[in-house]
Amino acid sequence: MTEKPTKTVDADDVQVVDLPERSHFALRVAGEPAGRTDYRTRPGRLVLTHTEVSDGYAGRGLGSRLVREVLDTARERGLRVTPRCPYVAGFIRRHREYADLVDDEHRAEIDAPD
């Protein structure tokens, strides 16, 4: 089995940018695409549907950094979130400080066991 080379990541090189025209938050490392969280907008809400990190950047905490920044942005904008993405739901389950962003109608998605 051939291992894919992994890339060194300097925290200062990591950037998360909202690209509403593409309906996703882009994760970039040193300007290079490294992952994304897809979403749909609804009145007062972001429905988070999918998160991925490129294989070369996996295992470096970048998925968590991406989701944390997405959730922080939702909070800053006064938006609720619907975590349809299992990774996002699991992140909120482990980081309860974001649970208040999820309304009662969608609470089961973060209260269910992994």
C-alpha atoms as a PDB file:
ATOM      1  CA  MET A   1       0.000   0.000   0.000  1.00  0.00           C
ATOM      2  CA  THR A   2       1.379   3.404  -0.985  1.00  0.00           C
ATOM      3  CA  GLU A   3       0.921   6.215   1.513  1.00  0.00           C
ATOM      4  CA  LYS A   4      -0.014   9.630   0.236  1.00  0.00           C
ATOM      5  CA  PRO A   5       2.415  12.344   1.237  1.00  0.00           C
ATOM      6  CA  THR A   6       1.087  14.702   3.868  1.00  0.00           C
ATOM      7  CA  LYS A   7       1.728  18.404   3.884  1.00  0.00           C
ATOM      8  CA  THR A   8       3.109  20.429   6.753  1.00  0.00           C
ATOM      9  CA  VAL A   9       0.619  23.015   7.981  1.00  0.00           C
ATOM     10  CA  ASP A  10       1.535  26.277   9.667  1.00  0.00           C
ATOM     11  CA  ALA A  11      -1.480  27.610  11.615  1.00  0.00           C
ATOM     12  CA  ASP A  12      -0.876  31.098  10.211  1.00  0.00           C
ATOM     13  CA  ASP A  13      -1.333  29.743   6.681  1.00  0.00           C
ATOM     14  CA  VAL A  14      -4.864  28.432   7.367  1.00  0.00           C
ATOM     15  CA  GLN A  15      -7.803  30.513   6.163  1.00  0.00           C
ATOM     16  CA  VAL A  16     -11.556  29.879   6.103  1.00  0.00           C
ATOM     17  CA  VAL A  17     -13.564  31.951   3.631  1.00  0.00           C
ATOM     18  CA  ASP A  18     -17.323  32.031   3.027  1.00  0.00           C
ATOM     19  CA  LEU A  19     -18.096  31.699  -0.678  1.00  0.00           C
ATOM     20  CA  PRO A  20     -21.873  32.257  -0.790  1.00  0.00           C
ATOM     21  CA  GLU A  21     -21.954  32.066  -4.589  1.00  0.00           C
ATOM     22  CA  ARG A  22     -20.733  28.459  -4.206  1.00  0.00           C
ATOM     23  CA  SER A  23     -22.701  27.764  -1.007  1.00  0.00           C
ATOM     24  CA  HIS A  24     -19.680  26.685   0.974  1.00  0.00           C
ATOM     25  CA  PHE A  25     -16.987  27.785   3.343  1.00  0.00           C
ATOM     26  CA  ALA A  26     -13.596  27.098   1.775  1.00  0.00           C
ATOM     27  CA  LEU A  27     -10.609  25.932   3.795  1.00  0.00           C
ATOM     28  CA  ARG A  28      -7.318  27.109   2.326  1.00  0.00           C
ATOM     29  CA  VAL A  29      -3.776  26.386   3.421  1.00  0.00           C
ATOM     30  CA  ALA A  30      -1.186  28.796   2.053  1.00  0.00           C
ATOM     31  CA  GLY A  31      -3.781  29.809  -0.553  1.00  0.00           C
ATOM     32  CA  GLU A  32      -4.277  26.223  -1.697  1.00  0.00           C
ATOM     33  CA  PRO A  33      -7.735  24.550  -1.465  1.00  0.00           C
ATOM     34  CA  ALA A  34      -7.708  22.082   1.415  1.00  0.00           C
ATOM     35  CA  GLY A  35     -11.383  21.423   2.235  1.00  0.00           C
ATOM     36  CA  ARG A  36     -14.862  22.840   2.570  1.00  0.00           C
ATOM     37  CA  THR A  37     -18.170  22.825   4.400  1.00  0.00           C
ATOM     38  CA  ASP A  38     -21.213  22.969   2.129  1.00  0.00           C
ATOM     39  CA  TYR A  39     -24.400  24.690   3.215  1.00  0.00           C
ATOM     40  CA  ARG A  40     -27.853  25.798   2.168  1.00  0.00           C
ATOM     41  CA  THR A  41     -29.320  29.027   3.443  1.00  0.00           C
ATOM     42  CA  ARG A  42     -32.746  29.254   4.989  1.00  0.00           C
ATOM     43  CA  PRO A  43     -34.269  32.281   6.716  1.00  0.00           C
ATOM     44  CA  GLY A  44     -32.188  32.837   9.853  1.00  0.00           C
ATOM     45  CA  ARG A  45     -30.297  29.578   9.417  1.00  0.00           C
ATOM     46  CA  LEU A  46     -27.433  27.734   7.770  1.00  0.00           C
ATOM     47  CA  VAL A  47     -28.128  24.094   6.926  1.00  0.00           C
ATOM     48  CA  LEU A  48     -24.684  22.463   7.050  1.00  0.00           C
ATOM     49  CA  THR A  49     -24.759  19.514   4.670  1.00  0.00           C
ATOM     50  CA  HIS A  50     -21.227  18.216   4.089  1.00  0.00           C
ATOM     51  CA  THR A  51     -17.657  18.722   5.308  1.00  0.00           C
ATOM     52  CA  GLU A  52     -14.507  17.391   3.718  1.00  0.00           C
ATOM     53  CA  VAL A  53     -10.765  17.884   4.055  1.00  0.00           C
ATOM     54  CA  SER A  54      -8.393  16.890   1.263  1.00  0.00           C
ATOM     55  CA  ASP A  55      -6.460  13.671   1.915  1.00  0.00           C
ATOM     56  CA  GLY A  56      -3.098  15.461   2.051  1.00  0.00           C
ATOM     57  CA  TYR A  57      -4.346  17.557   4.987  1.00  0.00           C
ATOM     58  CA  ALA A  58      -6.273  14.886   6.900  1.00  0.00           C
ATOM     59  CA  GLY A  59      -5.446  14.213  10.540  1.00  0.00           C
ATOM     60  CA  ARG A  60      -4.144  17.704  11.278  1.00  0.00           C
ATOM     61  CA  GLY A  61      -7.195  19.160  13.026  1.00  0.00           C
ATOM     62  CA  LEU A  62      -8.182  21.200   9.987  1.00  0.00           C
ATOM     63  CA  GLY A  63     -11.715  19.778   9.843  1.00  0.00           C
ATOM     64  CA  SER A  64     -12.282  20.949  13.408  1.00  0.00           C
ATOM     65  CA  ARG A  65     -10.796  24.349  12.653  1.00  0.00           C
ATOM     66  CA  LEU A  66     -13.031  24.680   9.594  1.00  0.00           C
ATOM     67  CA  VAL A  67     -16.209  23.736  11.459  1.00  0.00           C
ATOM     68  CA  ARG A  68     -15.316  25.931  14.444  1.00  0.00           C
ATOM     69  CA  GLU A  69     -14.913  28.937  12.139  1.00  0.00           C
ATOM     70  CA  VAL A  70     -18.165  28.136  10.310  1.00  0.00           C
ATOM     71  CA  LEU A  71     -20.033  27.970  13.636  1.00  0.00           C
ATOM     72  CA  ASP A  72     -18.364  31.135  14.917  1.00  0.00           C
ATOM     73  CA  THR A  73     -19.425  32.914  11.723  1.00  0.00           C
ATOM     74  CA  ALA A  74     -23.015  31.695  12.128  1.00  0.00           C
ATOM     75  CA  ARG A  75     -23.006  33.029  15.707  1.00  0.00           C
ATOM     76  CA  GLU A  76     -21.574  36.402  14.624  1.00  0.00           C
ATOM     77  CA  ARG A  77     -24.303  36.691  11.977  1.00  0.00           C
ATOM     78  CA  GLY A  78     -27.051  35.753  14.435  1.00  0.00           C
ATOM     79  CA  LEU A  79     -27.872  32.556  12.527  1.00  0.00           C
ATOM     80  CA  ARG A  80     -28.982  29.164  13.814  1.00  0.00           C
ATOM     81  CA  VAL A  81     -27.552  25.980  12.308  1.00  0.00           C
ATOM     82  CA  THR A  82     -29.036  22.704  11.190  1.00  0.00           C
ATOM     83  CA  PRO A  83     -26.259  20.073  11.345  1.00  0.00           C
ATOM     84  CA  ARG A  84     -27.158  17.649   8.545  1.00  0.00           C
ATOM     85  CA  CYS A  85     -23.465  16.831   8.148  1.00  0.00           C
ATOM     86  CA  PRO A  86     -22.456  14.021  10.542  1.00  0.00           C
ATOM     87  CA  TYR A  87     -19.045  15.607  11.123  1.00  0.00           C
ATOM     88  CA  VAL A  88     -20.621  18.925  12.148  1.00  0.00           C
ATOM     89  CA  ALA A  89     -23.142  17.164  14.413  1.00  0.00           C
ATOM     90  CA  GLY A  90     -20.314  15.212  16.061  1.00  0.00           C
ATOM     91  CA  PHE A  91     -18.253  18.364  16.496  1.00  0.00           C
ATOM     92  CA  ILE A  92     -21.139  20.135  18.256  1.00  0.00           C
ATOM     93  CA  ARG A  93     -21.726  17.027  20.372  1.00  0.00           C
ATOM     94  CA  ARG A  94     -18.096  17.215  21.562  1.00  0.00           C
ATOM     95  CA  HIS A  95     -18.052  21.024  21.852  1.00  0.00           C
ATOM     96  CA  ARG A  96     -21.244  21.860  23.717  1.00  0.00           C
ATOM     97  CA  GLU A  97     -20.472  25.575  23.657  1.00  0.00           C
ATOM     98  CA  TYR A  98     -21.993  25.508  20.149  1.00  0.00           C
ATOM     99  CA  ALA A  99     -25.150  23.573  21.096  1.00  0.00           C
ATOM    100  CA  ASP A 100     -27.118  26.801  21.543  1.00  0.00           C
ATOM    101  CA  LEU A 101     -26.842  27.418  17.788  1.00  0.00           C
ATOM    102  CA  VAL A 102     -29.004  24.352  17.126  1.00  0.00           C
ATOM    103  CA  ASP A 103     -32.724  24.902  17.721  1.00  0.00           C
ATOM    104  CA  ASP A 104     -34.974  22.417  19.550  1.00  0.00           C
ATOM    105  CA  GLU A 105     -36.374  21.074  16.272  1.00  0.00           C
ATOM    106  CA  HIS A 106     -32.909  19.793  15.298  1.00  0.00           C
ATOM    107  CA  ARG A 107     -31.498  19.047  18.762  1.00  0.00           C
ATOM    108  CA  ALA A 108     -31.740  15.279  18.236  1.00  0.00           C
ATOM    109  CA  GLU A 109     -29.034  15.550  15.584  1.00  0.00           C
ATOM    110  CA  ILE A 110     -26.514  16.578  18.217  1.00  0.00           C
ATOM    111  CA  ASP A 111     -27.891  14.648  21.171  1.00  0.00           C
ATOM    112  CA  ALA A 112     -27.730  11.262  19.435  1.00  0.00           C
ATOM    113  CA  PRO A 113     -24.714   9.105  20.380  1.00  0.00           C
ATOM    114  CA  ASP A 114     -21.843   8.822  17.873  1.00  0.00           C
END
